[in-house]
Amino acid sequence: MSNSLKFTQIIAADLSQLMPIENACHSHPWNEKTFATCIGGRYFGEKLSDAQEVVGFYVGELVIDEATLMDICVEPSVQGKGFGKKLLNQFIQQAKAKGALKIWLEVRAKNINAQMLYMNAGFIEISRRTGYYPSSRGFGYEDAIVMSLSI
Protein backbone atom coordinates (compact mmCIF):
# COMPACT_ATOMS: atom_id res chain seq x y z
CA MET A 1 0.00 0.00 0.00
CA SER A 2 1.28 3.40 -0.94
CA ASN A 3 2.17 6.13 1.55
CA SER A 4 0.28 8.59 -0.65
CA LEU A 5 -3.16 7.54 0.62
CA LYS A 6 -5.38 10.53 1.23
CA PHE A 7 -8.96 11.01 2.44
CA THR A 8 -10.92 13.97 1.10
CA GLN A 9 -14.52 14.99 1.66
CA ILE A 10 -16.91 14.01 -1.12
CA ILE A 11 -18.39 16.95 -3.03
CA ALA A 12 -20.85 16.98 -5.93
CA ALA A 13 -18.00 17.43 -8.45
CA ASP A 14 -16.66 14.00 -7.40
CA LEU A 15 -19.67 12.11 -8.77
CA SER A 16 -18.07 11.57 -12.19
CA GLN A 17 -15.15 9.77 -10.46
CA LEU A 18 -17.28 7.86 -7.94
CA MET A 19 -20.15 6.62 -10.12
CA PRO A 20 -18.01 4.10 -12.06
CA ILE A 21 -16.87 2.58 -8.74
CA GLU A 22 -20.46 2.55 -7.44
CA ASN A 23 -21.64 0.83 -10.63
CA ALA A 24 -18.84 -1.74 -10.53
CA CYS A 25 -19.44 -2.66 -6.88
CA HIS A 26 -23.21 -3.13 -6.74
CA SER A 27 -25.70 -5.23 -8.67
CA HIS A 28 -28.27 -2.49 -7.94
CA PRO A 29 -26.19 0.71 -7.62
CA TRP A 30 -27.39 4.13 -6.68
CA ASN A 31 -28.08 6.35 -9.66
CA GLU A 32 -26.33 9.71 -9.89
CA LYS A 33 -29.40 11.62 -8.63
CA THR A 34 -29.68 9.41 -5.52
CA PHE A 35 -25.95 9.71 -4.87
CA ALA A 36 -26.13 13.50 -5.23
CA THR A 37 -28.85 13.69 -2.54
CA CYS A 38 -26.43 11.95 -0.13
CA ILE A 39 -23.85 14.73 -0.25
CA GLY A 40 -24.01 17.41 2.45
CA GLY A 41 -26.61 18.10 5.11
CA ARG A 42 -26.92 15.13 7.45
CA TYR A 43 -24.71 13.03 5.14
CA PHE A 44 -20.95 12.81 5.29
CA GLY A 45 -18.54 10.95 3.10
CA GLU A 46 -14.99 10.74 1.97
CA LYS A 47 -13.10 9.32 -0.95
CA LEU A 48 -9.78 7.53 -0.55
CA SER A 49 -7.15 8.26 -3.17
CA ASP A 50 -3.79 6.64 -3.83
CA ALA A 51 -1.74 9.22 -5.72
CA GLN A 52 -4.25 10.55 -8.31
CA GLU A 53 -6.53 7.48 -8.44
CA VAL A 54 -9.68 7.16 -6.31
CA VAL A 55 -9.64 3.64 -4.84
CA GLY A 56 -12.87 3.84 -2.85
CA PHE A 57 -15.31 5.87 -0.83
CA TYR A 58 -17.92 5.75 1.92
CA VAL A 59 -21.14 7.65 2.55
CA GLY A 60 -22.59 7.95 6.04
CA GLU A 61 -25.62 9.60 7.57
CA LEU A 62 -25.87 11.16 11.02
CA VAL A 63 -29.19 11.64 12.80
CA ILE A 64 -28.85 12.96 16.35
CA ASP A 65 -26.32 10.51 17.90
CA GLU A 66 -26.67 7.59 15.49
CA ALA A 67 -24.71 7.12 12.28
CA THR A 68 -25.57 4.80 9.43
CA LEU A 69 -23.10 3.52 6.88
CA MET A 70 -25.12 4.08 3.71
CA ASP A 71 -22.54 2.95 1.14
CA ILE A 72 -18.93 1.80 1.03
CA CYS A 73 -17.13 0.80 -2.16
CA VAL A 74 -13.63 -0.17 -3.21
CA GLU A 75 -12.66 -0.23 -6.89
CA PRO A 76 -12.84 -3.95 -7.80
CA SER A 77 -9.33 -3.99 -9.32
CA VAL A 78 -7.79 -3.06 -5.94
CA GLN A 79 -10.06 -5.01 -3.58
CA GLY A 80 -8.33 -7.24 -1.03
CA LYS A 81 -5.55 -4.73 -0.31
CA GLY A 82 -6.94 -3.24 2.92
CA PHE A 83 -8.66 -0.20 1.43
CA GLY A 84 -12.09 -1.31 2.69
CA LYS A 85 -10.72 -1.56 6.24
CA LYS A 86 -9.18 1.91 5.95
CA LEU A 87 -12.47 3.35 4.67
CA LEU A 88 -14.49 1.67 7.42
CA ASN A 89 -12.09 2.85 10.13
CA GLN A 90 -12.23 6.40 8.75
CA PHE A 91 -16.05 6.28 8.70
CA ILE A 92 -16.10 5.13 12.36
CA GLN A 93 -13.62 7.86 13.33
CA GLN A 94 -15.68 10.54 11.56
CA ALA A 95 -18.94 9.26 13.07
CA LYS A 96 -17.36 9.51 16.55
CA ALA A 97 -16.06 13.01 15.81
CA LYS A 98 -19.59 14.06 14.83
CA GLY A 99 -21.00 12.77 18.13
CA ALA A 100 -22.38 9.37 17.14
CA LEU A 101 -22.78 6.87 19.96
CA LYS A 102 -24.05 4.03 17.78
CA ILE A 103 -23.43 3.00 14.18
CA TRP A 104 -25.79 0.96 12.01
CA LEU A 105 -25.39 -0.76 8.67
CA GLU A 106 -27.07 -3.36 6.49
CA VAL A 107 -25.22 -5.95 4.45
CA ARG A 108 -26.36 -8.61 2.00
CA ALA A 109 -26.58 -12.00 3.66
CA LYS A 110 -24.42 -13.48 0.89
CA ASN A 111 -21.69 -10.83 1.19
CA ILE A 112 -19.45 -12.79 3.55
CA ASN A 113 -16.35 -10.66 2.88
CA ALA A 114 -18.15 -7.50 3.96
CA GLN A 115 -19.65 -9.23 7.00
CA MET A 116 -16.17 -10.32 8.09
CA LEU A 117 -14.85 -6.76 7.63
CA TYR A 118 -17.63 -5.43 9.85
CA MET A 119 -17.31 -8.17 12.49
CA ASN A 120 -13.54 -7.61 12.69
CA ALA A 121 -14.29 -3.93 13.40
CA GLY A 122 -16.60 -4.92 16.28
CA PHE A 123 -20.02 -4.84 14.63
CA ILE A 124 -22.54 -7.42 15.80
CA GLU A 125 -25.60 -8.80 14.04
CA ILE A 126 -28.79 -7.28 15.47
CA SER A 127 -31.47 -8.63 13.13
CA ARG A 128 -32.30 -9.78 9.64
CA ARG A 129 -34.60 -8.17 7.07
CA THR A 130 -36.10 -10.95 5.01
CA GLY A 131 -36.17 -10.30 1.26
CA TYR A 132 -34.77 -6.77 1.64
CA TYR A 133 -32.44 -6.63 -1.38
CA PRO A 134 -33.30 -7.52 -4.96
CA SER A 135 -31.26 -10.57 -5.89
CA SER A 136 -28.02 -9.90 -7.72
CA ARG A 137 -29.14 -12.52 -10.25
CA GLY A 138 -32.13 -10.47 -11.29
CA PHE A 139 -34.93 -12.53 -9.76
CA GLY A 140 -36.04 -13.02 -6.18
CA TYR A 141 -34.77 -11.27 -3.11
CA GLU A 142 -31.98 -11.59 -0.60
CA ASP A 143 -31.95 -10.98 3.14
CA ALA A 144 -30.18 -8.03 4.73
CA ILE A 145 -28.26 -8.48 7.95
CA VAL A 146 -28.57 -5.44 10.24
CA MET A 147 -25.40 -4.84 12.23
CA SER A 148 -24.55 -2.32 14.93
CA LEU A 149 -21.52 -0.95 16.76
CA SER A 150 -21.64 1.04 19.99
CA ILE A 151 -18.86 3.63 20.11
C-alpha atoms as a PDB file:
ATOM      1  CA  MET A   1       0.000   0.000   0.000  1.00  0.00           C
ATOM      2  CA  SER A   2       1.276   3.404  -0.936  1.00  0.00           C
ATOM      3  CA  ASN A   3       2.170   6.130   1.545  1.00  0.00           C
ATOM      4  CA  SER A   4       0.279   8.586  -0.654  1.00  0.00           C
ATOM      5  CA  LEU A   5      -3.161   7.537   0.616  1.00  0.00           C
ATOM      6  CA  LYS A   6      -5.383  10.533   1.234  1.00  0.00           C
ATOM      7  CA  PHE A   7      -8.960  11.007   2.445  1.00  0.00           C
ATOM      8  CA  THR A   8     -10.918  13.969   1.103  1.00  0.00           C
ATOM      9  CA  GLN A   9     -14.515  14.993   1.664  1.00  0.00           C
ATOM     10  CA  ILE A  10     -16.915  14.013  -1.115  1.00  0.00           C
ATOM     11  CA  ILE A  11     -18.386  16.949  -3.030  1.00  0.00           C
ATOM     12  CA  ALA A  12     -20.849  16.976  -5.934  1.00  0.00           C
ATOM     13  CA  ALA A  13     -18.000  17.426  -8.447  1.00  0.00           C
ATOM     14  CA  ASP A  14     -16.656  13.995  -7.403  1.00  0.00           C
ATOM     15  CA  LEU A  15     -19.671  12.110  -8.769  1.00  0.00           C
ATOM     16  CA  SER A  16     -18.073  11.572 -12.189  1.00  0.00           C
ATOM     17  CA  GLN A  17     -15.153   9.766 -10.462  1.00  0.00           C
ATOM     18  CA  LEU A  18     -17.279   7.859  -7.942  1.00  0.00           C
ATOM     19  CA  MET A  19     -20.151   6.619 -10.118  1.00  0.00           C
ATOM     20  CA  PRO A  20     -18.006   4.101 -12.060  1.00  0.00           C
ATOM     21  CA  ILE A  21     -16.874   2.579  -8.737  1.00  0.00           C
ATOM     22  CA  GLU A  22     -20.461   2.549  -7.445  1.00  0.00           C
ATOM     23  CA  ASN A  23     -21.641   0.831 -10.634  1.00  0.00           C
ATOM     24  CA  ALA A  24     -18.835  -1.745 -10.534  1.00  0.00           C
ATOM     25  CA  CYS A  25     -19.440  -2.656  -6.883  1.00  0.00           C
ATOM     26  CA  HIS A  26     -23.209  -3.133  -6.739  1.00  0.00           C
ATOM     27  CA  SER A  27     -25.697  -5.228  -8.668  1.00  0.00           C
ATOM     28  CA  HIS A  28     -28.273  -2.488  -7.939  1.00  0.00           C
ATOM     29  CA  PRO A  29     -26.191   0.707  -7.623  1.00  0.00           C
ATOM     30  CA  TRP A  30     -27.392   4.134  -6.677  1.00  0.00           C
ATOM     31  CA  ASN A  31     -28.083   6.349  -9.657  1.00  0.00           C
ATOM     32  CA  GLU A  32     -26.332   9.706  -9.892  1.00  0.00           C
ATOM     33  CA  LYS A  33     -29.396  11.615  -8.630  1.00  0.00           C
ATOM     34  CA  THR A  34     -29.683   9.409  -5.519  1.00  0.00           C
ATOM     35  CA  PHE A  35     -25.949   9.707  -4.866  1.00  0.00           C
ATOM     36  CA  ALA A  36     -26.128  13.503  -5.226  1.00  0.00           C
ATOM     37  CA  THR A  37     -28.853  13.692  -2.544  1.00  0.00           C
ATOM     38  CA  CYS A  38     -26.434  11.947  -0.132  1.00  0.00           C
ATOM     39  CA  ILE A  39     -23.852  14.728  -0.246  1.00  0.00           C
ATOM     40  CA  GLY A  40     -24.008  17.410   2.450  1.00  0.00           C
ATOM     41  CA  GLY A  41     -26.607  18.098   5.112  1.00  0.00           C
ATOM     42  CA  ARG A  42     -26.919  15.127   7.455  1.00  0.00           C
ATOM     43  CA  TYR A  43     -24.707  13.034   5.137  1.00  0.00           C
ATOM     44  CA  PHE A  44     -20.945  12.813   5.289  1.00  0.00           C
ATOM     45  CA  GLY A  45     -18.545  10.947   3.098  1.00  0.00           C
ATOM     46  CA  GLU A  46     -14.985  10.743   1.973  1.00  0.00           C
ATOM     47  CA  LYS A  47     -13.104   9.317  -0.953  1.00  0.00           C
ATOM     48  CA  LEU A  48      -9.785   7.534  -0.549  1.00  0.00           C
ATOM     49  CA  SER A  49      -7.147   8.265  -3.168  1.00  0.00           C
ATOM     50  CA  ASP A  50      -3.792   6.641  -3.825  1.00  0.00           C
ATOM     51  CA  ALA A  51      -1.738   9.216  -5.721  1.00  0.00           C
ATOM     52  CA  GLN A  52      -4.248  10.549  -8.308  1.00  0.00           C
ATOM     53  CA  GLU A  53      -6.529   7.483  -8.436  1.00  0.00           C
ATOM     54  CA  VAL A  54      -9.676   7.159  -6.314  1.00  0.00           C
ATOM     55  CA  VAL A  55      -9.638   3.645  -4.843  1.00  0.00           C
ATOM     56  CA  GLY A  56     -12.869   3.845  -2.851  1.00  0.00           C
ATOM     57  CA  PHE A  57     -15.311   5.874  -0.829  1.00  0.00           C
ATOM     58  CA  TYR A  58     -17.917   5.752   1.917  1.00  0.00           C
ATOM     59  CA  VAL A  59     -21.135   7.649   2.553  1.00  0.00           C
ATOM     60  CA  GLY A  60     -22.593   7.952   6.036  1.00  0.00           C
ATOM     61  CA  GLU A  61     -25.619   9.597   7.567  1.00  0.00           C
ATOM     62  CA  LEU A  62     -25.868  11.163  11.018  1.00  0.00           C
ATOM     63  CA  VAL A  63     -29.188  11.642  12.799  1.00  0.00           C
ATOM     64  CA  ILE A  64     -28.851  12.956  16.353  1.00  0.00           C
ATOM     65  CA  ASP A  65     -26.320  10.506  17.897  1.00  0.00           C
ATOM     66  CA  GLU A  66     -26.670   7.590  15.492  1.00  0.00           C
ATOM     67  CA  ALA A  67     -24.711   7.123  12.285  1.00  0.00           C
ATOM     68  CA  THR A  68     -25.569   4.804   9.426  1.00  0.00           C
ATOM     69  CA  LEU A  69     -23.095   3.519   6.877  1.00  0.00           C
ATOM     70  CA  MET A  70     -25.118   4.077   3.708  1.00  0.00           C
ATOM     71  CA  ASP A  71     -22.539   2.948   1.136  1.00  0.00           C
ATOM     72  CA  ILE A  72     -18.929   1.798   1.035  1.00  0.00           C
ATOM     73  CA  CYS A  73     -17.134   0.801  -2.158  1.00  0.00           C
ATOM     74  CA  VAL A  74     -13.632  -0.167  -3.214  1.00  0.00           C
ATOM     75  CA  GLU A  75     -12.663  -0.226  -6.887  1.00  0.00           C
ATOM     76  CA  PRO A  76     -12.838  -3.946  -7.798  1.00  0.00           C
ATOM     77  CA  SER A  77      -9.331  -3.989  -9.323  1.00  0.00           C
ATOM     78  CA  VAL A  78      -7.792  -3.064  -5.939  1.00  0.00           C
ATOM     79  CA  GLN A  79     -10.056  -5.010  -3.576  1.00  0.00           C
ATOM     80  CA  GLY A  80      -8.327  -7.241  -1.031  1.00  0.00           C
ATOM     81  CA  LYS A  81      -5.550  -4.728  -0.306  1.00  0.00           C
ATOM     82  CA  GLY A  82      -6.942  -3.241   2.918  1.00  0.00           C
ATOM     83  CA  PHE A  83      -8.662  -0.200   1.432  1.00  0.00           C
ATOM     84  CA  GLY A  84     -12.085  -1.313   2.695  1.00  0.00           C
ATOM     85  CA  LYS A  85     -10.723  -1.556   6.235  1.00  0.00           C
ATOM     86  CA  LYS A  86      -9.180   1.915   5.950  1.00  0.00           C
ATOM     87  CA  LEU A  87     -12.473   3.351   4.668  1.00  0.00           C
ATOM     88  CA  LEU A  88     -14.490   1.666   7.422  1.00  0.00           C
ATOM     89  CA  ASN A  89     -12.093   2.854  10.134  1.00  0.00           C
ATOM     90  CA  GLN A  90     -12.229   6.403   8.747  1.00  0.00           C
ATOM     91  CA  PHE A  91     -16.046   6.283   8.702  1.00  0.00           C
ATOM     92  CA  ILE A  92     -16.099   5.133  12.358  1.00  0.00           C
ATOM     93  CA  GLN A  93     -13.623   7.862  13.332  1.00  0.00           C
ATOM     94  CA  GLN A  94     -15.678  10.545  11.556  1.00  0.00           C
ATOM     95  CA  ALA A  95     -18.937   9.264  13.069  1.00  0.00           C
ATOM     96  CA  LYS A  96     -17.358   9.507  16.552  1.00  0.00           C
ATOM     97  CA  ALA A  97     -16.060  13.010  15.811  1.00  0.00           C
ATOM     98  CA  LYS A  98     -19.591  14.058  14.826  1.00  0.00           C
ATOM     99  CA  GLY A  99     -20.999  12.774  18.130  1.00  0.00           C
ATOM    100  CA  ALA A 100     -22.376   9.373  17.142  1.00  0.00           C
ATOM    101  CA  LEU A 101     -22.784   6.866  19.963  1.00  0.00           C
ATOM    102  CA  LYS A 102     -24.050   4.026  17.781  1.00  0.00           C
ATOM    103  CA  ILE A 103     -23.427   3.000  14.176  1.00  0.00           C
ATOM    104  CA  TRP A 104     -25.793   0.962  12.006  1.00  0.00           C
ATOM    105  CA  LEU A 105     -25.392  -0.763   8.674  1.00  0.00           C
ATOM    106  CA  GLU A 106     -27.069  -3.356   6.491  1.00  0.00           C
ATOM    107  CA  VAL A 107     -25.221  -5.946   4.445  1.00  0.00           C
ATOM    108  CA  ARG A 108     -26.358  -8.605   2.002  1.00  0.00           C
ATOM    109  CA  ALA A 109     -26.580 -12.005   3.665  1.00  0.00           C
ATOM    110  CA  LYS A 110     -24.419 -13.480   0.889  1.00  0.00           C
ATOM    111  CA  ASN A 111     -21.688 -10.825   1.186  1.00  0.00           C
ATOM    112  CA  ILE A 112     -19.453 -12.789   3.548  1.00  0.00           C
ATOM    113  CA  ASN A 113     -16.346 -10.659   2.877  1.00  0.00           C
ATOM    114  CA  ALA A 114     -18.149  -7.495   3.964  1.00  0.00           C
ATOM    115  CA  GLN A 115     -19.645  -9.228   6.999  1.00  0.00           C
ATOM    116  CA  MET A 116     -16.165 -10.321   8.086  1.00  0.00           C
ATOM    117  CA  LEU A 117     -14.845  -6.763   7.633  1.00  0.00           C
ATOM    118  CA  TYR A 118     -17.626  -5.427   9.850  1.00  0.00           C
ATOM    119  CA  MET A 119     -17.315  -8.169  12.486  1.00  0.00           C
ATOM    120  CA  ASN A 120     -13.545  -7.609  12.685  1.00  0.00           C
ATOM    121  CA  ALA A 121     -14.293  -3.934  13.399  1.00  0.00           C
ATOM    122  CA  GLY A 122     -16.596  -4.917  16.278  1.00  0.00           C
ATOM    123  CA  PHE A 123     -20.023  -4.838  14.626  1.00  0.00           C
ATOM    124  CA  ILE A 124     -22.538  -7.416  15.799  1.00  0.00           C
ATOM    125  CA  GLU A 125     -25.600  -8.799  14.036  1.00  0.00           C
ATOM    126  CA  ILE A 126     -28.787  -7.284  15.467  1.00  0.00           C
ATOM    127  CA  SER A 127     -31.466  -8.627  13.131  1.00  0.00           C
ATOM    128  CA  ARG A 128     -32.300  -9.780   9.640  1.00  0.00           C
ATOM    129  CA  ARG A 129     -34.596  -8.174   7.075  1.00  0.00           C
ATOM    130  CA  THR A 130     -36.095 -10.950   5.008  1.00  0.00           C
ATOM    131  CA  GLY A 131     -36.167 -10.300   1.257  1.00  0.00           C
ATOM    132  CA  TYR A 132     -34.770  -6.774   1.643  1.00  0.00           C
ATOM    133  CA  TYR A 133     -32.437  -6.626  -1.376  1.00  0.00           C
ATOM    134  CA  PRO A 134     -33.301  -7.520  -4.960  1.00  0.00           C
ATOM    135  CA  SER A 135     -31.263 -10.573  -5.890  1.00  0.00           C
ATOM    136  CA  SER A 136     -28.021  -9.901  -7.717  1.00  0.00           C
ATOM    137  CA  ARG A 137     -29.138 -12.525 -10.249  1.00  0.00           C
ATOM    138  CA  GLY A 138     -32.132 -10.466 -11.285  1.00  0.00           C
ATOM    139  CA  PHE A 139     -34.935 -12.533  -9.756  1.00  0.00           C
ATOM    140  CA  GLY A 140     -36.037 -13.017  -6.184  1.00  0.00           C
ATOM    141  CA  TYR A 141     -34.771 -11.266  -3.108  1.00  0.00           C
ATOM    142  CA  GLU A 142     -31.977 -11.586  -0.605  1.00  0.00           C
ATOM    143  CA  ASP A 143     -31.946 -10.982   3.143  1.00  0.00           C
ATOM    144  CA  ALA A 144     -30.183  -8.032   4.728  1.00  0.00           C
ATOM    145  CA  ILE A 145     -28.262  -8.476   7.949  1.00  0.00           C
ATOM    146  CA  VAL A 146     -28.565  -5.439  10.237  1.00  0.00           C
ATOM    147  CA  MET A 147     -25.399  -4.835  12.230  1.00  0.00           C
ATOM    148  CA  SER A 148     -24.549  -2.323  14.929  1.00  0.00           C
ATOM    149  CA  LEU A 149     -21.516  -0.955  16.758  1.00  0.00           C
ATOM    150  CA  SER A 150     -21.642   1.038  19.992  1.00  0.00           C
ATOM    151  CA  ILE A 151     -18.862   3.628  20.108  1.00  0.00           C
END
